[in-house]
Every structure is written in C-alpha cells, then in structure tokens.
Amino acid sequence: MSRVHPSRRKIASALTIALTALGLGIVAPTGAAMSTAAPALCEDPPSNARAMGGTDGTDPNTVNATELRAMNRQLRAKSRQLAARGLITKRGVQRGHPHRLVRIKTIVHVITAEDGTGGVTRQQVRDQMKVINDGFRGRTSPAAAATKFRFALKRVHYVPNDKWFNWPLKPNNTETRTVKQAKRKLHRGGWNTLNVYIANLGNGLLGYATFPQGGKLKLDGLVVLNESLPGGSAAPYNEGDTATHEIGHWLGLFHTFQNGCTRPGDSVKDTPYQLDGANVFECDESLDTCKQPGMDPVHNFMSYGDDPCLDQFTRGQNKRMVKTWFAFRAFR
C-alpha cells in the first residue's frame, strides 16, 4: 500500500489486480474470489500507498472487503500448510523459537539524476534505518507495542539514472514499464530481503509497497520519496515514518481505515475502526468516527497522519506481521 501526501490522495498502489498466494487461490480485480490448483503469479504485485494530506481521504484503488477476506483466507490456509509440515506452530510462529527476533536484510537503492543530484546521503539512510528500528522496537511511544522485527542495512546502492530518478508512474499511479525495468535490474535477494527504492515520486505520493502475497519477486519491495527521509524537505512528512508505514504493508498490514467503519476493518482486533475520510490525516485524539468501541487510532503507523503524529504499532499488528512473515516470506 502506499502513503500519499494529503493534497493528492491518488494512492500509488493498492492495485486492484489479481492477488495470488502460492496456489492457495487468487482474487480477481473485481474482487470475485476464484480457486486455482497451481500457483498463478501475476505480473504486478498487490500493493498500497501513503500520501500527503488534503482531500477527502478516499482511496480509489484500495483493497475492497471481498479482496481483503480472500487475502485473509490465503494467510490462514498457508499457515495451516506450514504448520502441518512442522515449520511453524498453529499460532503462526517458528516452531521451537517462538520468542526469536526476525532480522531482515535490507538493501537500499538510492536513485539520483545522472549528474548526481537529487539523492539522499548515507547519513540520511542510516538515520532512516534507526527510525524504522525504533518504530518496530516500540521505542517511539509508551503506548507502542514492541514487534519481533529488526532491520539490518546490508548495502546502500547509488544509481545515477535520469529515466528512473523521477520514478515515472502511470496517471493512475500504477507502475510503468520503465519502473518495472528499474526494479528488475536493481532487486537483490529473495522474498525475505527488503528492497527499498528511494526516488523522486510525484502526484503527492510519499511511498508505496507491495503486499507479501502474489506478484513477481523482482517487483517486490517499497518505494519511498527521497524528501520523506529524516532531514528531507517534505515537512511534516520528513521524519522517516513513510518507510515504517510501507514496511507494515510489506509485512501484511492494511491501513487502519481499511473498509472504514465496516467489518472486517483492517483485520486486526486491537486497532479500532476508523472512518476512511479526510479525518485520517488529522492528529486529533478526540476523534471517534465509528460506532464500534475505541477512539480513532490516529497515532498508529498505518494511519495517514503526519510524521510527528505516527508513533506506534499494536500487539495485534505485530501478531499479524509475524504470521504473514512465516506464511509468505520466511519459507518462500
């Protein structure tokens, strides 16, 4: 999913494309669920975005309730398969090591103009990694849950390329052939390696990331606006929380306002329902936009507030990310 600047909420990626989960079933763009006996990987990975604030907060491309339920069925089915093979427990964690941390190798591709301009510094990348790890450690708020994930920077890859620097997306913010070419050439590692592409995104986009289910390995990863890194110029979205948000999607989380006030919401029990409107950009702790119990989770990393506002994951989100990791990334 993507994170978008409020002024232009054209979400770069919750692409309503066929989702597939290792032969467990696919979801058509219409949301109709279909079964399939063999893996049918699609060209474009399902994804979602973060944007800067400004309009009514409606995401025209978001995963709908039917697609979300299908993705949840895929997650449950794959977890049962791995449990039957003795690789994970019924709770979705690695058998024999339920308390072990998950350490994720991270490769950062910094795309610049061919004259070297427009890139971020190595110090900014290091600062970004600290922001990510602090968020996933639960160090950013007394209310934040500590997750099982830690991210280790293995390489910073500088890529001078004028065609790729402005990261040309289609008018509907889906990926062009040029973008796919860039990813295929630069991507390193398997499904358990996080590839981060830093470029000059347009259309008010702060970033977008692929979900773990389906897609092509070479298109997997997240794309982040260069000026959203710590010290960038995209204030108040320049403290590095876009990357944290997008990794949440990469590990299977939806926006907290997924489905608005309608079941199943974001499929995480301890994140209250949140109306999908302009309110998602507001850092107002008094907001209670849905009749279900709980105030709006305005401080949650998977909402759309600005960086000073976002500072926490929940225990339920950690549980879903861990289960998703073992189902679709660790053993794939």
Protein backbone atom coordinates (compact mmCIF):
# COMPACT_ATOMS: atom_id res chain seq x y z
CA MET A 1 0.00 0.00 0.00
CA SER A 2 1.14 3.48 -0.31
CA ARG A 3 1.39 6.55 1.79
CA VAL A 4 0.23 9.67 -0.02
CA HIS A 5 0.51 13.37 0.64
CA PRO A 6 -2.88 14.71 1.84
CA SER A 7 -3.02 17.19 -1.02
CA ARG A 8 -3.26 14.39 -3.59
CA ARG A 9 -4.67 11.15 -2.31
CA LYS A 10 -4.19 9.21 -5.51
CA ILE A 11 -2.83 6.15 -3.80
CA ALA A 12 0.02 4.75 -5.72
CA SER A 13 -0.70 1.24 -5.35
CA ALA A 14 -3.46 -0.59 -3.68
CA LEU A 15 -3.71 -2.02 -7.11
CA THR A 16 -6.90 -3.93 -7.71
CA ILE A 17 -5.08 -6.65 -9.59
CA ALA A 18 -5.25 -10.38 -9.29
CA LEU A 19 -3.82 -11.48 -5.97
CA THR A 20 -2.31 -14.89 -5.59
CA ALA A 21 -0.88 -16.82 -2.70
CA LEU A 22 1.26 -19.77 -3.71
CA GLY A 23 -1.53 -21.78 -5.25
CA LEU A 24 -3.98 -21.17 -2.40
CA GLY A 25 -6.31 -19.06 -4.57
CA ILE A 26 -6.48 -15.78 -6.40
CA VAL A 27 -8.64 -12.69 -6.25
CA ALA A 28 -9.79 -11.09 -9.45
CA PRO A 29 -9.61 -7.32 -9.91
CA THR A 30 -13.37 -7.22 -9.45
CA GLY A 31 -12.95 -8.75 -6.02
CA ALA A 32 -14.51 -12.07 -7.09
CA ALA A 33 -12.76 -14.97 -5.39
CA MET A 34 -11.62 -17.83 -7.59
CA SER A 35 -9.82 -21.03 -6.69
CA THR A 36 -6.83 -22.35 -8.55
CA ALA A 37 -4.91 -25.57 -8.23
CA ALA A 38 -1.50 -24.22 -9.14
CA PRO A 39 0.43 -21.06 -8.35
CA ALA A 40 -0.53 -18.31 -10.76
CA LEU A 41 1.79 -15.42 -10.11
CA CYS A 42 0.70 -12.15 -11.63
CA GLU A 43 2.96 -9.60 -13.23
CA ASP A 44 2.05 -6.77 -10.88
CA PRO A 45 2.30 -7.35 -7.13
CA PRO A 46 -0.62 -6.19 -4.99
CA SER A 47 0.41 -3.06 -3.18
CA ASN A 48 -0.72 0.05 -1.32
CA ALA A 49 0.48 3.59 -0.69
CA ARG A 50 0.92 6.54 1.63
CA ALA A 51 0.04 10.07 0.53
CA MET A 52 0.28 13.56 1.90
CA GLY A 53 -2.94 15.04 3.29
CA GLY A 54 -5.52 17.27 1.69
CA THR A 55 -8.62 15.78 0.12
CA ASP A 56 -11.44 13.63 1.45
CA GLY A 57 -9.11 10.73 2.15
CA THR A 58 -10.82 8.35 -0.27
CA ASP A 59 -8.53 5.74 -1.75
CA PRO A 60 -9.90 4.84 -5.20
CA ASN A 61 -7.68 1.78 -5.52
CA THR A 62 -7.84 0.31 -2.05
CA VAL A 63 -8.28 -3.40 -1.48
CA ASN A 64 -12.01 -3.93 -1.01
CA ALA A 65 -13.65 -6.07 1.67
CA THR A 66 -14.01 -9.09 -0.62
CA GLU A 67 -10.36 -8.97 -1.61
CA LEU A 68 -9.30 -8.49 2.00
CA ARG A 69 -11.24 -11.56 3.10
CA ALA A 70 -9.66 -13.56 0.28
CA MET A 71 -6.18 -12.44 1.38
CA ASN A 72 -7.03 -13.45 4.95
CA ARG A 73 -8.17 -16.88 3.73
CA GLN A 74 -4.87 -17.23 1.91
CA LEU A 75 -2.99 -16.34 5.08
CA ARG A 76 -4.91 -18.89 7.16
CA ALA A 77 -4.55 -21.61 4.55
CA LYS A 78 -0.82 -21.09 4.06
CA SER A 79 -0.28 -21.03 7.84
CA ARG A 80 -2.11 -24.36 8.16
CA GLN A 81 0.07 -25.85 5.40
CA LEU A 82 3.29 -24.77 7.11
CA ALA A 83 2.05 -25.97 10.50
CA ALA A 84 1.25 -29.38 9.00
CA ARG A 85 4.83 -29.54 7.70
CA GLY A 86 6.13 -28.76 11.18
CA LEU A 87 7.72 -25.44 10.16
CA ILE A 88 5.54 -23.20 12.30
CA THR A 89 3.14 -23.58 15.21
CA LYS A 90 -0.62 -23.21 14.96
CA ARG A 91 -0.13 -19.66 16.27
CA GLY A 92 1.94 -18.87 13.17
CA VAL A 93 5.41 -18.57 14.72
CA GLN A 94 8.54 -20.57 14.06
CA ARG A 95 8.40 -23.94 15.78
CA GLY A 96 10.90 -24.18 18.63
CA HIS A 97 11.76 -20.46 18.55
CA PRO A 98 8.57 -18.55 19.43
CA HIS A 99 10.47 -15.66 21.00
CA ARG A 100 13.24 -15.28 18.45
CA LEU A 101 13.56 -11.91 16.70
CA VAL A 102 13.16 -11.75 12.94
CA ARG A 103 16.15 -9.98 11.40
CA ILE A 104 15.54 -8.71 7.88
CA LYS A 105 18.35 -7.95 5.48
CA THR A 106 17.71 -4.54 3.91
CA ILE A 107 19.14 -3.21 0.66
CA VAL A 108 18.61 0.46 -0.18
CA HIS A 109 18.76 1.69 -3.78
CA VAL A 110 19.20 5.47 -3.93
CA ILE A 111 18.28 6.70 -7.39
CA THR A 112 19.72 10.05 -8.42
CA ALA A 113 19.88 12.15 -11.55
CA GLU A 114 22.82 11.27 -13.77
CA ASP A 115 24.70 14.35 -12.57
CA GLY A 116 24.41 13.00 -9.02
CA THR A 117 21.80 15.46 -7.81
CA GLY A 118 18.58 14.57 -6.03
CA GLY A 119 19.92 11.75 -3.93
CA VAL A 120 19.95 11.32 -0.17
CA THR A 121 23.12 10.99 1.89
CA ARG A 122 24.40 7.83 3.55
CA GLN A 123 23.79 9.52 6.88
CA GLN A 124 20.13 10.03 5.94
CA VAL A 125 19.89 6.34 5.09
CA ARG A 126 21.41 5.42 8.45
CA ASP A 127 19.02 7.80 10.18
CA GLN A 128 16.16 6.21 8.27
CA MET A 129 17.16 2.74 9.45
CA LYS A 130 17.21 3.98 13.05
CA VAL A 131 13.70 5.41 12.66
CA ILE A 132 12.47 2.09 11.27
CA ASN A 133 14.05 0.01 14.02
CA ASP A 134 12.90 2.36 16.77
CA GLY A 135 9.35 2.10 15.46
CA PHE A 136 9.43 -1.68 15.25
CA ARG A 137 11.09 -1.95 18.67
CA GLY A 138 8.27 0.06 20.23
CA ARG A 139 10.61 2.82 21.40
CA THR A 140 8.60 5.68 19.90
CA SER A 141 5.74 5.83 22.40
CA PRO A 142 4.80 4.42 25.84
CA ALA A 143 1.70 3.03 24.10
CA ALA A 144 3.68 1.33 21.32
CA ALA A 145 3.99 -2.43 21.12
CA ALA A 146 7.43 -3.94 20.53
CA THR A 147 7.39 -6.12 17.43
CA LYS A 148 9.59 -9.09 16.55
CA PHE A 149 11.24 -7.36 13.59
CA ARG A 150 14.67 -5.79 13.24
CA PHE A 151 16.17 -4.43 10.02
CA ALA A 152 19.85 -4.68 9.12
CA LEU A 153 21.26 -2.43 6.41
CA LYS A 154 23.43 -4.57 4.14
CA ARG A 155 24.04 -2.24 1.23
CA VAL A 156 23.40 1.29 0.00
CA HIS A 157 23.37 1.26 -3.79
CA TYR A 158 23.61 4.62 -5.57
CA VAL A 159 22.10 4.57 -9.07
CA PRO A 160 22.50 7.62 -11.35
CA ASN A 161 19.74 7.34 -13.95
CA ASP A 162 17.67 10.22 -15.32
CA LYS A 163 14.90 7.92 -16.59
CA TRP A 164 14.41 6.33 -13.18
CA PHE A 165 15.05 9.30 -10.91
CA ASN A 166 11.57 10.84 -11.29
CA TRP A 167 10.07 7.33 -10.94
CA PRO A 168 7.57 7.57 -13.81
CA LEU A 169 4.22 6.06 -12.83
CA LYS A 170 1.08 5.86 -14.97
CA PRO A 171 -1.65 8.51 -14.47
CA ASN A 172 -3.47 6.08 -12.15
CA ASN A 173 -0.21 5.61 -10.21
CA THR A 174 0.40 2.04 -11.33
CA GLU A 175 3.90 1.09 -12.39
CA THR A 176 5.15 1.78 -15.90
CA ARG A 177 7.41 -0.46 -17.92
CA THR A 178 10.31 1.84 -17.01
CA VAL A 179 9.67 1.43 -13.28
CA LYS A 180 9.43 -2.34 -13.62
CA GLN A 181 12.67 -2.32 -15.61
CA ALA A 182 14.38 -0.42 -12.80
CA LYS A 183 13.15 -2.86 -10.16
CA ARG A 184 14.12 -5.94 -12.16
CA LYS A 185 17.62 -4.62 -12.69
CA LEU A 186 18.20 -3.45 -9.13
CA HIS A 187 16.37 -6.00 -6.97
CA ARG A 188 18.54 -8.28 -4.83
CA GLY A 189 17.75 -11.29 -2.65
CA GLY A 190 14.61 -13.32 -2.09
CA TRP A 191 11.20 -12.74 -0.55
CA ASN A 192 12.87 -12.40 2.86
CA THR A 193 15.07 -9.47 1.72
CA LEU A 194 13.69 -5.94 1.92
CA ASN A 195 14.49 -3.83 -1.13
CA VAL A 196 13.93 -0.09 -0.68
CA TYR A 197 13.93 2.22 -3.70
CA ILE A 198 14.41 5.93 -2.92
CA ALA A 199 13.47 8.26 -5.74
CA ASN A 200 11.64 11.47 -6.64
CA LEU A 201 8.00 10.39 -6.51
CA GLY A 202 5.28 12.69 -7.84
CA ASN A 203 1.49 13.07 -7.54
CA GLY A 204 1.67 13.76 -3.81
CA LEU A 205 2.94 10.25 -3.10
CA LEU A 206 5.16 9.61 -0.11
CA GLY A 207 5.67 5.95 -0.89
CA TYR A 208 4.13 2.59 -1.73
CA ALA A 209 4.90 -1.06 -1.04
CA THR A 210 3.92 -4.50 -2.24
CA PHE A 211 1.99 -6.97 -0.13
CA PRO A 212 3.59 -10.38 0.53
CA GLN A 213 1.02 -12.33 -1.49
CA GLY A 214 1.44 -12.84 -5.18
CA GLY A 215 3.38 -10.79 -7.65
CA LYS A 216 6.83 -11.24 -9.12
CA LEU A 217 9.84 -11.38 -6.81
CA LYS A 218 11.73 -8.81 -8.88
CA LEU A 219 8.92 -6.27 -8.35
CA ASP A 220 8.77 -6.80 -4.59
CA GLY A 221 9.73 -4.08 -2.14
CA LEU A 222 8.89 -0.50 -1.28
CA VAL A 223 9.41 2.86 -2.97
CA VAL A 224 9.92 5.96 -0.83
CA LEU A 225 10.01 9.66 -1.69
CA ASN A 226 13.57 10.93 -1.23
CA GLU A 227 12.46 14.04 0.66
CA SER A 228 10.49 11.93 3.20
CA LEU A 229 13.68 10.62 4.78
CA PRO A 230 14.91 12.24 8.02
CA GLY A 231 16.15 15.72 7.17
CA GLY A 232 14.28 15.88 3.86
CA SER A 233 12.16 18.79 2.69
CA ALA A 234 8.72 17.11 2.76
CA ALA A 235 7.78 18.51 6.20
CA PRO A 236 5.78 17.42 8.13
CA TYR A 237 6.43 14.12 6.39
CA ASN A 238 10.21 14.19 6.69
CA GLU A 239 11.00 12.18 9.82
CA GLY A 240 11.18 8.79 8.12
CA ASP A 241 7.80 7.34 9.09
CA THR A 242 6.77 6.70 5.49
CA ALA A 243 9.25 3.82 5.32
CA THR A 244 7.92 2.41 8.60
CA HIS A 245 4.36 2.66 7.25
CA GLU A 246 5.28 0.96 3.99
CA ILE A 247 7.13 -1.89 5.72
CA GLY A 248 3.90 -2.52 7.60
CA HIS A 249 2.25 -3.18 4.23
CA TRP A 250 5.22 -5.27 3.09
CA LEU A 251 4.57 -7.43 6.17
CA GLY A 252 0.84 -7.75 5.53
CA LEU A 253 -0.81 -4.84 7.36
CA PHE A 254 -3.60 -2.77 5.88
CA HIS A 255 -4.40 0.85 6.65
CA THR A 256 -6.17 1.34 9.96
CA PHE A 257 -9.03 2.87 7.97
CA GLN A 258 -9.34 -0.16 5.67
CA ASN A 259 -13.09 -0.67 4.98
CA GLY A 260 -13.88 2.36 7.13
CA CYS A 261 -16.49 1.53 9.77
CA THR A 262 -17.45 -1.73 8.02
CA ARG A 263 -16.34 -5.19 9.07
CA PRO A 264 -13.73 -6.58 8.98
CA GLY A 265 -11.90 -3.25 9.13
CA ASP A 266 -8.17 -3.86 8.91
CA SER A 267 -8.50 -7.41 10.31
CA VAL A 268 -6.57 -6.53 13.48
CA LYS A 269 -8.60 -6.79 16.67
CA ASP A 270 -6.84 -4.14 18.73
CA THR A 271 -6.90 -1.33 16.15
CA PRO A 272 -10.25 0.45 16.46
CA TYR A 273 -12.35 1.08 13.36
CA GLN A 274 -11.62 4.38 11.62
CA LEU A 275 -13.70 6.17 9.00
CA ASP A 276 -11.95 6.40 5.64
CA GLY A 277 -12.23 10.14 5.08
CA ALA A 278 -10.24 13.34 5.44
CA ASN A 279 -10.12 12.58 9.17
CA VAL A 280 -7.35 10.03 8.57
CA PHE A 281 -4.89 12.91 8.11
CA GLU A 282 -5.83 14.53 11.44
CA CYS A 283 -3.85 14.03 14.65
CA ASP A 284 -6.86 14.57 16.89
CA GLU A 285 -7.08 12.16 19.82
CA SER A 286 -10.74 13.08 20.36
CA LEU A 287 -11.80 11.61 17.01
CA ASP A 288 -14.26 8.71 17.26
CA THR A 289 -15.60 8.33 13.74
CA CYS A 290 -17.06 4.81 14.01
CA LYS A 291 -19.69 3.45 16.38
CA GLN A 292 -17.58 0.42 17.26
CA PRO A 293 -15.60 0.63 20.55
CA GLY A 294 -12.40 2.68 20.66
CA MET A 295 -11.18 6.08 19.59
CA ASP A 296 -9.62 6.55 16.16
CA PRO A 297 -6.04 5.15 16.10
CA VAL A 298 -4.57 8.46 14.98
CA HIS A 299 -1.09 7.60 16.28
CA ASN A 300 -0.87 4.26 14.51
CA PHE A 301 1.86 3.92 11.88
CA MET A 302 -0.74 2.51 9.48
CA SER A 303 -2.92 5.63 9.55
CA TYR A 304 -2.25 8.72 7.41
CA GLY A 305 -1.23 11.33 9.97
CA ASP A 306 1.95 13.33 9.55
CA ASP A 307 5.23 12.02 10.90
CA PRO A 308 5.15 13.82 14.29
CA CYS A 309 1.79 12.10 14.91
CA LEU A 310 2.58 8.49 13.95
CA ASP A 311 4.42 6.54 16.64
CA GLN A 312 3.02 3.06 17.31
CA PHE A 313 2.10 -0.42 16.21
CA THR A 314 -0.19 -2.62 18.32
CA ARG A 315 0.29 -6.15 19.65
CA GLY A 316 -2.31 -7.35 17.20
CA GLN A 317 -0.42 -5.80 14.29
CA ASN A 318 2.76 -7.48 15.47
CA LYS A 319 0.95 -10.82 15.57
CA ARG A 320 -0.36 -10.37 12.02
CA MET A 321 3.06 -9.31 10.70
CA VAL A 322 4.76 -12.32 12.31
CA LYS A 323 2.16 -14.71 10.93
CA THR A 324 2.44 -13.12 7.48
CA TRP A 325 6.24 -13.27 7.57
CA PHE A 326 6.31 -17.02 8.13
CA ALA A 327 3.44 -17.69 5.74
CA PHE A 328 4.69 -15.73 2.74
CA ARG A 329 8.30 -14.61 3.20
CA ALA A 330 10.41 -16.77 5.50
CA PHE A 331 9.90 -20.10 3.70
CA ARG A 332 9.02 -18.90 0.20
